[in-house]
Amino acid sequence: MLVKISTLCYIHDCLDRIAQNFFLKEITAIVKSDSNDPTKVLFLKIKAFIPVVKEVEHYIDQFEIGDVIYIRGKFIVYESYYMVTATLIKVTDLEFDDMPAIGIGITITDQTTQTAKTVDENIVLDFYVEEQIGEKEPTDFWVEVRYKVNNTYLASRTSSINQKICSTNALLIGTINYLRPTSDSNEGKHILTLEEISLLSTPNGPNYFTLPSSNPLSAEQTPSSRETQDQNNQPDRDFN
């Protein structure tokens, strides 16, 4: 499935490694999510692969710790951060204090078997996303899609979703954020503020697609217990 990310972020730390035919840069980056509260940030774990052979074309600018960069790539979600394989990195002239809080823009295709519901003046749908950016990374996650009840354009676009109790595939564009748990009994979740949606298909017949009943990222699958990706694995070299 299509799972793309783009944002401005601040490079907090970077480790250099050598993989087969590539220099691997493992970046810890920060994204501002609220212009009025500097403590509200999102974290990215970014992998950037630079070919050892200088003649091989790539789209990763040289950067340093402390730079503000624009990044595009593939991503998957962990409990409280996003793992990104970068396909493009451009260094900007911005400083951290000047970096706008644009959040994390994403484009994804995913599936739902729900109909839209109203929650606290928002229309809400849960979508299930399948993606893999490494052999030892998780392959799926849930995202809660929201838009305001008075957004008549998006309401008209989503009104036909799953009216016949079947699965709907959709292309979603918006800004994603992580809502931290408010108590020990609550779980954090990833919220997509919807900007655009295109329905790709609604297969005929009931129960076309059976989704997991809960978030597939269980405690046994948390990042601390996963093996790190073999440094000899080659990256996805789709730079488009």
Foldseek 3Di string as FASTA:
>chain_A
DFKKKKDKWAFADWDWDDAVQWIKIWTWIWAAADLVDRVAIAIETEIETHGPPPVDDAAEDDDDHQWIKIFMAGWDDAQGHIYGYTRHIDTDPDGPNRGDRPAMKIKAKWKFQDAWDDDPQKTKGKTKGADDFAPQAHGIWIEIEIEGPPPVVVCVQRNPANPVRFMWIKIWIFHKDWACDPDPVDGIHIYGHTDDMDTDDTDDDHPPDDDDPDTPCDPCNHPVNTDDGDSHDDGDNPSD
